[in-house]
C-alpha atoms as a PDB file:
ATOM      1  CA  MET A   1      18.705   1.318   3.209  1.00  0.00           C
ATOM      2  CA  ARG A   2      20.525   2.515   6.849  1.00  0.00           C
ATOM      3  CA  HIS A   3      17.214   3.616   8.126  1.00  0.00           C
ATOM      4  CA  THR A   4      15.058   1.152   7.098  1.00  0.00           C
ATOM      5  CA  VAL A   5      16.691  -1.115   9.236  1.00  0.00           C
ATOM      6  CA  LEU A   6      16.942   1.250  12.338  1.00  0.00           C
ATOM      7  CA  ILE A   7      13.239   1.847  12.142  1.00  0.00           C
ATOM      8  CA  LEU A   8      11.699  -2.263  11.671  1.00  0.00           C
ATOM      9  CA  ALA A   9      14.668  -2.790  14.434  1.00  0.00           C
ATOM     10  CA  THR A  10      13.021  -0.379  16.818  1.00  0.00           C
ATOM     11  CA  ILE A  11       9.593  -1.964  16.072  1.00  0.00           C
ATOM     12  CA  PRO A  12       8.349  -5.039  18.957  1.00  0.00           C
ATOM     13  CA  ALA A  13       8.126  -8.067  18.290  1.00  0.00           C
ATOM     14  CA  PHE A  14       5.504  -8.875  19.622  1.00  0.00           C
ATOM     15  CA  ALA A  15       3.794  -6.588  16.586  1.00  0.00           C
ATOM     16  CA  ILE A  16       4.948  -8.545  13.711  1.00  0.00           C
ATOM     17  CA  SER A  17       4.673 -11.904  15.853  1.00  0.00           C
ATOM     18  CA  GLY A  18       1.892 -14.060  14.214  1.00  0.00           C
ATOM     19  CA  PRO A  19      -1.924 -13.051  13.092  1.00  0.00           C
ATOM     20  CA  ALA A  20      -2.094 -10.068  15.878  1.00  0.00           C
ATOM     21  CA  SER A  21      -0.134  -8.309  13.413  1.00  0.00           C
ATOM     22  CA  ALA A  22      -2.314  -9.073  10.377  1.00  0.00           C
ATOM     23  CA  ALA A  23      -5.224  -7.493  11.939  1.00  0.00           C
ATOM     24  CA  CYS A  24      -7.548  -4.569  11.076  1.00  0.00           C
ATOM     25  CA  THR A  25      -9.315  -1.575  12.741  1.00  0.00           C
ATOM     26  CA  ALA A  26     -12.765  -1.326  10.840  1.00  0.00           C
ATOM     27  CA  PRO A  27     -13.893   1.976  10.967  1.00  0.00           C
ATOM     28  CA  ALA A  28     -16.743   3.655  12.206  1.00  0.00           C
ATOM     29  CA  ALA A  29     -18.841   5.945  10.572  1.00  0.00           C
ATOM     30  CA  PRO A  30     -19.729   9.669  12.510  1.00  0.00           C
ATOM     31  CA  PRO A  31     -23.770   8.639  14.606  1.00  0.00           C
ATOM     32  CA  ALA A  32     -26.311   9.817  12.492  1.00  0.00           C
ATOM     33  CA  ALA A  33     -27.432  11.600  14.881  1.00  0.00           C
ATOM     34  CA  GLU A  34     -24.501  14.400  14.705  1.00  0.00           C
ATOM     35  CA  ARG A  35     -25.172  14.708  11.022  1.00  0.00           C
ATOM     36  CA  PRO A  36     -26.242  18.646  11.491  1.00  0.00           C
ATOM     37  CA  GLU A  37     -30.340  19.831   9.618  1.00  0.00           C
ATOM     38  CA  LYS A  38     -30.237  22.276   7.205  1.00  0.00           C
ATOM     39  CA  PRO A  39     -32.645  25.061   8.915  1.00  0.00           C
ATOM     40  CA  ALA A  40     -36.074  25.231   6.861  1.00  0.00           C
ATOM     41  CA  LEU A  41     -36.685  27.912   4.417  1.00  0.00           C
ATOM     42  CA  PRO A  42     -39.958  30.198   5.948  1.00  0.00           C
ATOM     43  CA  GLN A  43     -42.761  30.137   3.631  1.00  0.00           C
ATOM     44  CA  LYS A  44     -43.310  32.849   0.969  1.00  0.00           C
ATOM     45  CA  PRO A  45     -46.125  34.198   1.085  1.00  0.00           C
ATOM     46  CA  ALA A  46     -48.504  33.562  -1.525  1.00  0.00           C
ATOM     47  CA  CYS A  47     -49.364  37.199  -1.770  1.00  0.00           C
ATOM     48  CA  LEU A  48     -45.498  37.810  -2.289  1.00  0.00           C
ATOM     49  CA  ASP A  49     -46.182  36.523  -6.553  1.00  0.00           C
ATOM     50  CA  ALA A  50     -50.251  38.423  -6.754  1.00  0.00           C
ATOM     51  CA  LYS A  51     -50.317  41.017  -8.564  1.00  0.00           C
ATOM     52  CA  GLY A  52     -51.016  43.777  -5.894  1.00  0.00           C
ATOM     53  CA  GLY A  53     -48.128  42.667  -3.375  1.00  0.00           C
ATOM     54  CA  CYS A  54     -48.036  41.939  -0.141  1.00  0.00           C
ATOM     55  CA  PRO A  55     -49.056  44.471   2.596  1.00  0.00           C
ATOM     56  CA  GLY A  56     -47.033  46.068   4.590  1.00  0.00           C
ATOM     57  CA  TRP A  57     -46.932  44.161   7.663  1.00  0.00           C
ATOM     58  CA  GLU A  58     -46.506  40.582   5.597  1.00  0.00           C
ATOM     59  CA  ALA A  59     -43.728  41.457   3.730  1.00  0.00           C
ATOM     60  CA  TYR A  60     -41.725  43.210   7.040  1.00  0.00           C
ATOM     61  CA  THR A  61     -42.616  39.847   8.632  1.00  0.00           C
ATOM     62  CA  TYR A  62     -41.447  37.803   5.559  1.00  0.00           C
ATOM     63  CA  SER A  63     -38.119  39.806   5.564  1.00  0.00           C
ATOM     64  CA  ASP A  64     -37.684  39.531   9.144  1.00  0.00           C
ATOM     65  CA  GLN A  65     -38.124  35.401   8.566  1.00  0.00           C
ATOM     66  CA  ILE A  66     -35.240  35.875   6.337  1.00  0.00           C
ATOM     67  CA  LYS A  67     -32.801  38.168   7.537  1.00  0.00           C
ATOM     68  CA  ALA A  68     -33.146  35.050  10.826  1.00  0.00           C
ATOM     69  CA  TYR A  69     -32.688  32.448   8.562  1.00  0.00           C
ATOM     70  CA  ASN A  70     -29.889  33.640   6.799  1.00  0.00           C
ATOM     71  CA  ALA A  71     -28.726  34.110  10.577  1.00  0.00           C
ATOM     72  CA  GLN A  72     -29.751  30.227  10.517  1.00  0.00           C
ATOM     73  CA  ILE A  73     -27.616  29.101   8.159  1.00  0.00           C
ATOM     74  CA  GLY A  74     -24.495  31.690   8.962  1.00  0.00           C
ATOM     75  CA  ALA A  75     -24.470  29.389  12.409  1.00  0.00           C
ATOM     76  CA  PHE A  76     -24.861  25.679  10.452  1.00  0.00           C
ATOM     77  CA  ARG A  77     -22.922  25.940   7.830  1.00  0.00           C
ATOM     78  CA  PRO A  78     -19.609  25.805  10.044  1.00  0.00           C
ATOM     79  CA  ILE A  79     -21.231  22.840  11.803  1.00  0.00           C
ATOM     80  CA  ALA A  80     -22.235  21.447   8.678  1.00  0.00           C
ATOM     81  CA  GLU A  81     -18.714  21.437   7.263  1.00  0.00           C
ATOM     82  CA  ALA A  82     -16.721  19.859  10.356  1.00  0.00           C
ATOM     83  CA  TYR A  83     -19.493  16.082   9.219  1.00  0.00           C
ATOM     84  CA  VAL A  84     -18.392  16.517   6.855  1.00  0.00           C
ATOM     85  CA  GLN A  85     -15.046  16.905   6.902  1.00  0.00           C
ATOM     86  CA  LYS A  86     -15.615  13.936   9.817  1.00  0.00           C
ATOM     87  CA  LEU A  87     -17.052  11.350   6.796  1.00  0.00           C
ATOM     88  CA  ASN A  88     -14.833  12.274   4.560  1.00  0.00           C
ATOM     89  CA  ALA A  89     -12.155  10.699   7.212  1.00  0.00           C
ATOM     90  CA  TYR A  90     -14.139   7.782   8.065  1.00  0.00           C
ATOM     91  CA  VAL A  91     -13.499   7.836   4.080  1.00  0.00           C
ATOM     92  CA  LYS A  92      -9.999   7.739   3.927  1.00  0.00           C
ATOM     93  CA  ALA A  93     -10.075   5.720   6.873  1.00  0.00           C
ATOM     94  CA  SER A  94     -12.179   2.937   5.162  1.00  0.00           C
ATOM     95  CA  ALA A  95      -9.281   3.310   1.952  1.00  0.00           C
ATOM     96  CA  ASP A  96      -6.936   2.439   4.679  1.00  0.00           C
ATOM     97  CA  TYR A  97      -8.670  -0.342   5.740  1.00  0.00           C
ATOM     98  CA  ALA A  98      -9.499  -2.355   3.019  1.00  0.00           C
ATOM     99  CA  GLN A  99      -5.674  -1.525   2.090  1.00  0.00           C
ATOM    100  CA  CYS A 100      -4.978  -3.458   5.691  1.00  0.00           C
ATOM    101  CA  GLU A 101      -7.386  -5.994   4.697  1.00  0.00           C
ATOM    102  CA  VAL A 102      -5.800  -6.558   0.860  1.00  0.00           C
ATOM    103  CA  LYS A 103      -2.391  -6.480   2.747  1.00  0.00           C
ATOM    104  CA  ALA A 104      -3.374  -9.070   5.399  1.00  0.00           C
ATOM    105  CA  LEU A 105      -4.499 -11.296   2.277  1.00  0.00           C
ATOM    106  CA  GLN A 106      -1.052 -10.894   0.199  1.00  0.00           C
ATOM    107  CA  GLY A 107       0.187 -11.967   3.101  1.00  0.00           C
ATOM    108  CA  GLN A 108      -1.185 -15.309   3.624  1.00  0.00           C
END
């Protein structure tokens, strides 16, 4: 109890006076422009599914495209994970905002 009193005593008077203390700050969603775009998977050549297969050059070209795609996905993953973290922070901030609004309504 003593610690609680000390903590409350350190809150400035302007922070607990009047309607300003009930103000809740709405969170801002991460900008849609920051949403990373997943690299496009290379189109599989039709000859790959054909009975005779693909000529060597076409198979090598497709293989190179897949290797490049895998490298792009490797670079995309941490960017996507960072964006997901921002989204999760927004979700948490939204829940905190909703709780603040509920408490403000209950205080009136």
